[in-house]
Protein backbone atom coordinates (compact mmCIF):
# COMPACT_ATOMS: atom_id res chain seq x y z
CA MET A 1 0.52 17.44 28.74
CA SER A 2 2.95 15.29 29.53
CA LYS A 3 2.88 12.19 31.62
CA THR A 4 6.05 13.03 33.78
CA THR A 5 7.82 15.97 35.23
CA ASN A 6 10.13 17.99 33.37
CA LYS A 7 12.89 18.17 36.30
CA PHE A 8 15.38 19.52 34.25
CA SER A 9 15.01 23.58 32.59
CA PRO A 10 15.84 24.18 29.15
CA GLU A 11 18.87 26.20 29.90
CA VAL A 12 20.22 23.29 31.32
CA ARG A 13 19.01 20.75 28.29
CA GLU A 14 20.77 23.55 26.05
CA ARG A 15 23.50 23.09 27.97
CA ALA A 16 24.31 19.94 28.15
CA VAL A 17 23.12 19.11 24.57
CA ARG A 18 26.25 21.77 24.26
CA MET A 19 28.98 19.77 26.64
CA VAL A 20 28.49 16.59 24.85
CA LEU A 21 28.45 18.20 21.27
CA ASP A 22 31.44 20.15 22.13
CA ASN A 23 33.41 17.77 24.49
CA GLU A 24 32.56 14.68 21.97
CA GLU A 25 36.29 14.44 20.56
CA GLN A 26 38.65 14.73 23.97
CA HIS A 27 36.25 11.55 24.44
CA GLY A 28 36.38 8.37 23.02
CA SER A 29 32.68 8.26 21.34
CA ARG A 30 29.85 10.29 21.80
CA TRP A 31 27.96 7.67 24.17
CA GLN A 32 31.66 8.57 26.86
CA ALA A 33 30.68 11.73 26.47
CA ILE A 34 27.17 11.43 26.86
CA THR A 35 27.48 8.80 30.49
CA SER A 36 30.12 11.37 31.46
CA ILE A 37 28.08 14.24 30.96
CA ALA A 38 24.82 13.15 32.09
CA ALA A 39 26.62 11.63 35.82
CA LYS A 40 27.76 15.37 36.23
CA ILE A 41 24.12 16.77 35.17
CA GLY A 42 22.23 13.71 37.68
CA CYS A 43 20.01 12.42 33.64
CA SER A 44 20.25 9.04 32.70
CA ALA A 45 22.51 8.84 30.10
CA ASN A 46 19.46 7.85 27.85
CA THR A 47 17.94 11.29 28.50
CA LEU A 48 20.79 12.67 27.90
CA ASN A 49 21.17 11.13 24.28
CA ASP A 50 17.44 11.57 23.24
CA TRP A 51 18.32 15.27 24.33
CA VAL A 52 21.34 15.12 21.69
CA LYS A 53 19.30 13.72 18.87
CA LYS A 54 16.00 15.99 19.48
CA ALA A 55 18.55 18.80 19.22
CA GLU A 56 20.40 17.56 15.73
CA ILE A 57 17.00 16.69 14.82
CA ASP A 58 16.00 20.26 15.05
CA SER A 59 19.46 22.21 13.76
CA GLY A 60 18.69 20.09 10.65
CA LYS A 61 21.48 17.94 11.27
CA ARG A 62 19.58 14.56 11.52
CA SER A 63 16.71 13.31 10.12
CA GLY A 64 13.35 13.94 11.66
CA VAL A 65 10.30 15.52 12.39
CA PRO A 66 11.87 18.85 14.15
CA SER A 67 9.80 19.84 17.94
CA GLU A 68 7.86 22.80 16.59
CA MET A 69 6.12 20.67 13.94
CA ALA A 70 5.62 17.90 16.26
CA GLU A 71 3.71 20.31 18.73
CA ARG A 72 1.64 21.73 15.91
CA MET A 73 0.70 18.33 14.78
CA LYS A 74 -0.20 17.36 18.01
CA ALA A 75 -2.02 20.63 18.52
CA LEU A 76 -4.30 20.00 15.75
CA GLU A 77 -5.01 16.34 16.45
CA ARG A 78 -5.96 17.51 19.38
CA GLU A 79 -8.21 20.39 17.84
CA ASN A 80 -9.27 17.70 15.35
CA HIS A 81 -10.60 15.55 18.23
CA GLU A 82 -12.59 18.54 19.80
CA LEU A 83 -14.03 19.11 17.18
CA ARG A 84 -14.96 15.42 16.00
CA GLN A 85 -16.60 14.90 19.94
CA ALA A 86 -18.44 18.08 19.40
CA ASN A 87 -20.08 17.37 15.73
CA GLU A 88 -21.21 13.87 17.24
CA ILE A 89 -22.58 15.98 20.46
CA LEU A 90 -24.57 18.34 17.21
CA ARG A 91 -25.72 15.04 15.03
CA LYS A 92 -27.17 13.14 18.10
CA ALA A 93 -29.32 16.45 19.24
CA SER A 94 -29.91 17.41 16.19
CA ALA A 95 -31.84 13.81 15.76
CA TYR A 96 -32.85 14.09 19.10
CA PHE A 97 -35.21 17.68 18.11
CA ALA A 98 -36.04 15.54 14.92
CA MET A 99 -37.82 12.74 16.46
CA ALA A 100 -39.46 15.01 19.29
CA GLU A 101 -40.74 17.45 16.42
CA LEU A 102 -41.66 14.26 14.33
CA ASP A 103 -43.73 13.43 17.70
CA ARG A 104 -45.47 16.63 18.25
CA ARG A 105 -46.42 16.38 14.88
CA SER A 106 -48.00 13.22 14.96
CA LYS A 107 -50.32 14.20 18.22
């Protein structure tokens, strides 16, 4: 789960990105289009720029790790961490019971 709340719905994000890409030529540069549209929807220009970059990566127009792959990797890393913790608990429990069995046999 992200540390910040998402103020904008995916639909608003998609529409804003589409507006930037469709209206880029009407502005002097992409950054001018981004700042203009960001002001209209109430987000920072840097946030909208990140959305545009992410959309370009997801569509294959820009190199990088697509969102779907990044989410899958994050889920696998989380699962791997949980499994390592479970293995450590089992290793400690096994050692504890092995010692208890040795103590029982030596008496």
